[in-house]
Amino acid sequence: METKDLNLCELLKGHEGETFFSLLIGECVLSEITTPTDTYPIKLEHSDYSSDGRFESTGVPVVYPS
């Protein structure tokens, strides 16, 4: 069975300005998606996340698509 890495950049593109939920900071607004090659391309109002939803590269995902 093939597994594919989750890329939230692809899922969230075009949803800037919408409200999301992060386990780390709670309710927040998506402000920007930069290039997926950036270390933290997902910009929420209070913090930035990697393309797989991690706050730190060694941590666990804390932003999930609904």
Protein backbone atom coordinates (compact mmCIF):
# COMPACT_ATOMS: atom_id res chain seq x y z
CA MET A 1 0.00 0.00 0.00
CA GLU A 2 1.44 3.37 -1.03
CA THR A 3 1.46 6.17 1.53
CA LYS A 4 1.54 9.81 0.57
CA ASP A 5 2.76 12.64 2.80
CA LEU A 6 0.04 15.10 3.73
CA ASN A 7 0.61 18.55 2.23
CA LEU A 8 -1.73 21.03 3.89
CA CYS A 9 -0.54 23.77 1.54
CA GLU A 10 -2.40 22.08 -1.31
CA LEU A 11 -5.56 21.67 0.78
CA LEU A 12 -5.57 25.15 2.32
CA LYS A 13 -4.63 27.20 -0.77
CA GLY A 14 -7.49 29.58 -1.53
CA HIS A 15 -8.87 29.48 2.02
CA GLU A 16 -6.99 32.52 3.29
CA GLY A 17 -9.15 34.56 5.68
CA GLU A 18 -11.10 31.52 6.89
CA THR A 19 -11.17 30.37 10.50
CA PHE A 20 -9.42 27.12 11.46
CA PHE A 21 -8.62 25.27 14.66
CA SER A 22 -5.17 24.40 15.94
CA LEU A 23 -4.62 22.20 18.98
CA LEU A 24 -1.79 24.55 19.93
CA ILE A 25 -3.54 27.95 19.80
CA GLY A 26 -7.23 27.14 19.31
CA GLU A 27 -9.35 29.08 16.85
CA CYS A 28 -7.31 31.12 14.37
CA VAL A 29 -7.50 32.68 10.92
CA LEU A 30 -5.42 31.49 7.97
CA SER A 31 -3.54 34.56 6.80
CA GLU A 32 -1.26 33.22 4.05
CA ILE A 33 0.18 30.17 2.30
CA THR A 34 3.71 30.75 1.01
CA THR A 35 5.70 28.38 -1.19
CA PRO A 36 5.64 24.76 0.05
CA THR A 37 9.46 24.72 0.01
CA ASP A 38 9.51 27.30 2.85
CA THR A 39 10.19 25.72 6.23
CA TYR A 40 6.89 27.05 7.63
CA PRO A 41 4.63 27.92 4.69
CA ILE A 42 1.31 27.95 6.58
CA LYS A 43 0.79 31.34 8.24
CA LEU A 44 -1.94 31.55 10.87
CA GLU A 45 -2.63 34.72 12.87
CA HIS A 46 -0.37 33.80 15.78
CA SER A 47 2.16 31.29 14.44
CA ASP A 48 3.51 29.47 11.39
CA TYR A 49 3.38 25.76 10.55
CA SER A 50 5.10 23.35 8.19
CA SER A 51 3.25 21.90 5.20
CA ASP A 52 2.31 18.80 7.23
CA GLY A 53 0.86 20.84 10.12
CA ARG A 54 3.82 20.74 12.52
CA PHE A 55 4.75 23.72 14.71
CA GLU A 56 8.30 22.36 15.09
CA SER A 57 10.01 19.98 12.67
CA THR A 58 10.49 17.33 15.40
CA GLY A 59 6.99 17.72 16.84
CA VAL A 60 3.65 16.18 16.00
CA PRO A 61 1.07 17.72 13.62
CA VAL A 62 -1.19 20.18 15.44
CA VAL A 63 -3.13 21.65 12.50
CA TYR A 64 -5.54 19.31 10.74
CA PRO A 65 -7.78 19.66 7.72
CA SER A 66 -11.44 19.27 8.57
